[in-house]
Amino acid sequence: MAITKDDIIKALEEMKLAELNDLVKSIEDHFGVVAAAAVAAPAAGAAAAAPTEVNVMLTSAGGNKVQVIKIVKEITGLGLMDAKKLVDGTLPVAIKENVKTEEAEEMKKSLMDAGASVDLK
């Protein structure tokens, strides 16, 4: 029995966002292509599936650790020593959880401008 396009779409609808992200990366690697954002407006179902809240994950403090610690302190509201422990600890680490996507992008930009590596999950 051959797998139909409808079977694939149904399977994709049941996947979590992280699983879809891994699938896209695997397809890109396998076929040597890069997935680009669609030019047409997304379907209503696709828009509803987009996450509204994400976690800001620090993956590397980079070369300017002092500046990154200061920004983490501002973002989290932690004291200086606690922010330093967070940045110096095991990476990746969640700096802020369940943040609106727009706010998370601003945090990511601030941290990356200071030299940190950041992921939004």
C-alpha atoms as a PDB file:
ATOM      1  CA  MET A   1       0.000   0.000   0.000  1.00  0.00           C
ATOM      2  CA  ALA A   2       1.454   3.360  -1.044  1.00  0.00           C
ATOM      3  CA  ILE A   3       1.443   6.320   1.289  1.00  0.00           C
ATOM      4  CA  THR A   4      -0.777   9.115  -0.034  1.00  0.00           C
ATOM      5  CA  LYS A   5      -0.368  12.852   0.319  1.00  0.00           C
ATOM      6  CA  ASP A   6      -3.378  12.858   2.668  1.00  0.00           C
ATOM      7  CA  ASP A   7      -1.651  10.268   4.889  1.00  0.00           C
ATOM      8  CA  ILE A   8       1.414  12.495   5.136  1.00  0.00           C
ATOM      9  CA  ILE A   9      -0.648  15.591   5.927  1.00  0.00           C
ATOM     10  CA  LYS A  10      -2.581  13.720   8.616  1.00  0.00           C
ATOM     11  CA  ALA A  11       0.691  12.530  10.194  1.00  0.00           C
ATOM     12  CA  LEU A  12       2.083  16.092  10.138  1.00  0.00           C
ATOM     13  CA  GLU A  13      -1.046  17.439  11.840  1.00  0.00           C
ATOM     14  CA  GLU A  14      -0.498  15.039  14.736  1.00  0.00           C
ATOM     15  CA  MET A  15       3.169  16.017  15.267  1.00  0.00           C
ATOM     16  CA  LYS A  16       4.376  18.469  17.882  1.00  0.00           C
ATOM     17  CA  LEU A  17       6.219  21.598  16.808  1.00  0.00           C
ATOM     18  CA  ALA A  18       9.602  20.252  17.940  1.00  0.00           C
ATOM     19  CA  GLU A  19       9.021  17.054  15.949  1.00  0.00           C
ATOM     20  CA  LEU A  20       8.112  19.078  12.856  1.00  0.00           C
ATOM     21  CA  ASN A  21      11.260  21.166  13.270  1.00  0.00           C
ATOM     22  CA  ASP A  22      13.399  18.001  13.462  1.00  0.00           C
ATOM     23  CA  LEU A  23      11.630  16.612  10.384  1.00  0.00           C
ATOM     24  CA  VAL A  24      12.299  19.768   8.376  1.00  0.00           C
ATOM     25  CA  LYS A  25      15.979  19.694   9.348  1.00  0.00           C
ATOM     26  CA  SER A  26      16.226  16.031   8.357  1.00  0.00           C
ATOM     27  CA  ILE A  27      14.590  16.713   4.982  1.00  0.00           C
ATOM     28  CA  GLU A  28      16.927  19.663   4.398  1.00  0.00           C
ATOM     29  CA  ASP A  29      19.965  17.517   5.207  1.00  0.00           C
ATOM     30  CA  HIS A  30      18.801  14.541   3.161  1.00  0.00           C
ATOM     31  CA  PHE A  31      17.932  16.480   0.003  1.00  0.00           C
ATOM     32  CA  GLY A  32      20.500  19.283   0.369  1.00  0.00           C
ATOM     33  CA  VAL A  33      17.899  22.046   0.318  1.00  0.00           C
ATOM     34  CA  VAL A  34      16.811  24.884   2.589  1.00  0.00           C
ATOM     35  CA  ALA A  35      13.162  25.298   3.519  1.00  0.00           C
ATOM     36  CA  ALA A  36      11.967  28.836   2.816  1.00  0.00           C
ATOM     37  CA  ALA A  37       8.933  30.582   4.252  1.00  0.00           C
ATOM     38  CA  ALA A  38       5.874  30.322   2.035  1.00  0.00           C
ATOM     39  CA  VAL A  39       5.062  33.394  -0.025  1.00  0.00           C
ATOM     40  CA  ALA A  40       1.315  32.856   0.124  1.00  0.00           C
ATOM     41  CA  ALA A  41      -0.684  33.595   3.274  1.00  0.00           C
ATOM     42  CA  PRO A  42      -0.776  30.595   5.623  1.00  0.00           C
ATOM     43  CA  ALA A  43      -3.944  28.579   5.984  1.00  0.00           C
ATOM     44  CA  ALA A  44      -6.076  29.193   9.052  1.00  0.00           C
ATOM     45  CA  GLY A  45      -5.022  25.869  10.600  1.00  0.00           C
ATOM     46  CA  ALA A  46      -1.345  26.656  10.167  1.00  0.00           C
ATOM     47  CA  ALA A  47      -1.722  30.052  11.809  1.00  0.00           C
ATOM     48  CA  ALA A  48      -3.459  28.481  14.791  1.00  0.00           C
ATOM     49  CA  ALA A  49      -0.636  25.945  15.184  1.00  0.00           C
ATOM     50  CA  ALA A  50       2.073  28.615  15.481  1.00  0.00           C
ATOM     51  CA  PRO A  51       3.325  28.906  19.065  1.00  0.00           C
ATOM     52  CA  THR A  52       2.408  32.091  20.913  1.00  0.00           C
ATOM     53  CA  GLU A  53       4.782  31.452  23.788  1.00  0.00           C
ATOM     54  CA  VAL A  54       8.351  30.170  23.717  1.00  0.00           C
ATOM     55  CA  ASN A  55      11.295  29.567  26.038  1.00  0.00           C
ATOM     56  CA  VAL A  56      14.429  31.695  25.679  1.00  0.00           C
ATOM     57  CA  MET A  57      17.362  29.282  25.841  1.00  0.00           C
ATOM     58  CA  LEU A  58      20.948  30.475  26.351  1.00  0.00           C
ATOM     59  CA  THR A  59      23.221  28.068  24.459  1.00  0.00           C
ATOM     60  CA  SER A  60      26.509  29.973  24.839  1.00  0.00           C
ATOM     61  CA  ALA A  61      27.609  33.109  26.682  1.00  0.00           C
ATOM     62  CA  GLY A  62      30.163  33.967  23.997  1.00  0.00           C
ATOM     63  CA  GLY A  63      33.225  36.100  24.548  1.00  0.00           C
ATOM     64  CA  ASN A  64      31.579  38.976  26.420  1.00  0.00           C
ATOM     65  CA  LYS A  65      30.236  37.039  29.409  1.00  0.00           C
ATOM     66  CA  VAL A  66      30.016  40.095  31.689  1.00  0.00           C
ATOM     67  CA  GLN A  67      27.632  41.878  29.311  1.00  0.00           C
ATOM     68  CA  VAL A  68      25.565  38.705  28.881  1.00  0.00           C
ATOM     69  CA  ILE A  69      25.279  38.349  32.677  1.00  0.00           C
ATOM     70  CA  LYS A  70      24.035  41.956  32.926  1.00  0.00           C
ATOM     71  CA  ILE A  71      21.378  41.343  30.285  1.00  0.00           C
ATOM     72  CA  VAL A  72      20.305  38.059  31.926  1.00  0.00           C
ATOM     73  CA  LYS A  73      20.020  39.977  35.218  1.00  0.00           C
ATOM     74  CA  GLU A  74      17.743  42.559  33.553  1.00  0.00           C
ATOM     75  CA  ILE A  75      15.612  39.951  31.765  1.00  0.00           C
ATOM     76  CA  THR A  76      15.121  37.635  34.744  1.00  0.00           C
ATOM     77  CA  GLY A  77      15.096  40.096  37.615  1.00  0.00           C
ATOM     78  CA  LEU A  78      17.680  37.948  39.394  1.00  0.00           C
ATOM     79  CA  GLY A  79      20.472  39.383  41.493  1.00  0.00           C
ATOM     80  CA  LEU A  80      23.921  39.697  39.967  1.00  0.00           C
ATOM     81  CA  MET A  81      25.299  36.521  41.580  1.00  0.00           C
ATOM     82  CA  ASP A  82      22.270  34.429  40.614  1.00  0.00           C
ATOM     83  CA  ALA A  83      22.452  35.702  37.026  1.00  0.00           C
ATOM     84  CA  LYS A  84      26.164  34.817  36.956  1.00  0.00           C
ATOM     85  CA  LYS A  85      25.430  31.302  38.262  1.00  0.00           C
ATOM     86  CA  LEU A  86      22.778  30.870  35.563  1.00  0.00           C
ATOM     87  CA  VAL A  87      25.144  31.938  32.769  1.00  0.00           C
ATOM     88  CA  ASP A  88      28.101  29.959  34.173  1.00  0.00           C
ATOM     89  CA  GLY A  89      26.014  26.819  34.739  1.00  0.00           C
ATOM     90  CA  THR A  90      25.247  23.934  32.438  1.00  0.00           C
ATOM     91  CA  LEU A  91      24.180  25.129  28.992  1.00  0.00           C
ATOM     92  CA  PRO A  92      21.750  25.264  27.337  1.00  0.00           C
ATOM     93  CA  VAL A  93      19.652  26.839  30.051  1.00  0.00           C
ATOM     94  CA  ALA A  94      16.226  28.474  29.978  1.00  0.00           C
ATOM     95  CA  ILE A  95      16.618  32.168  30.725  1.00  0.00           C
ATOM     96  CA  LYS A  96      12.891  32.873  30.534  1.00  0.00           C
ATOM     97  CA  GLU A  97      10.012  30.433  29.979  1.00  0.00           C
ATOM     98  CA  ASN A  98       6.598  30.857  28.380  1.00  0.00           C
ATOM     99  CA  VAL A  99       7.322  34.288  26.933  1.00  0.00           C
ATOM    100  CA  LYS A 100       5.303  35.831  24.125  1.00  0.00           C
ATOM    101  CA  THR A 101       7.125  35.352  20.835  1.00  0.00           C
ATOM    102  CA  GLU A 102       7.619  39.073  20.184  1.00  0.00           C
ATOM    103  CA  GLU A 103       9.098  39.653  23.638  1.00  0.00           C
ATOM    104  CA  ALA A 104      11.311  36.574  23.264  1.00  0.00           C
ATOM    105  CA  GLU A 105      12.673  37.904  19.951  1.00  0.00           C
ATOM    106  CA  GLU A 106      13.646  41.163  21.703  1.00  0.00           C
ATOM    107  CA  MET A 107      15.408  39.229  24.470  1.00  0.00           C
ATOM    108  CA  LYS A 108      17.188  37.087  21.886  1.00  0.00           C
ATOM    109  CA  LYS A 109      18.362  40.183  19.999  1.00  0.00           C
ATOM    110  CA  SER A 110      19.712  41.799  23.184  1.00  0.00           C
ATOM    111  CA  LEU A 111      21.598  38.664  24.180  1.00  0.00           C
ATOM    112  CA  MET A 112      22.950  38.065  20.678  1.00  0.00           C
ATOM    113  CA  ASP A 113      24.102  41.703  20.421  1.00  0.00           C
ATOM    114  CA  ALA A 114      26.158  41.000  23.561  1.00  0.00           C
ATOM    115  CA  GLY A 115      27.720  37.956  21.869  1.00  0.00           C
ATOM    116  CA  ALA A 116      25.587  35.156  23.301  1.00  0.00           C
ATOM    117  CA  SER A 117      24.054  32.287  21.352  1.00  0.00           C
ATOM    118  CA  VAL A 118      20.314  31.944  21.951  1.00  0.00           C
ATOM    119  CA  ASP A 119      17.555  29.579  20.777  1.00  0.00           C
ATOM    120  CA  LEU A 120      13.812  30.010  21.068  1.00  0.00           C
ATOM    121  CA  LYS A 121      11.954  26.769  21.786  1.00  0.00           C
END
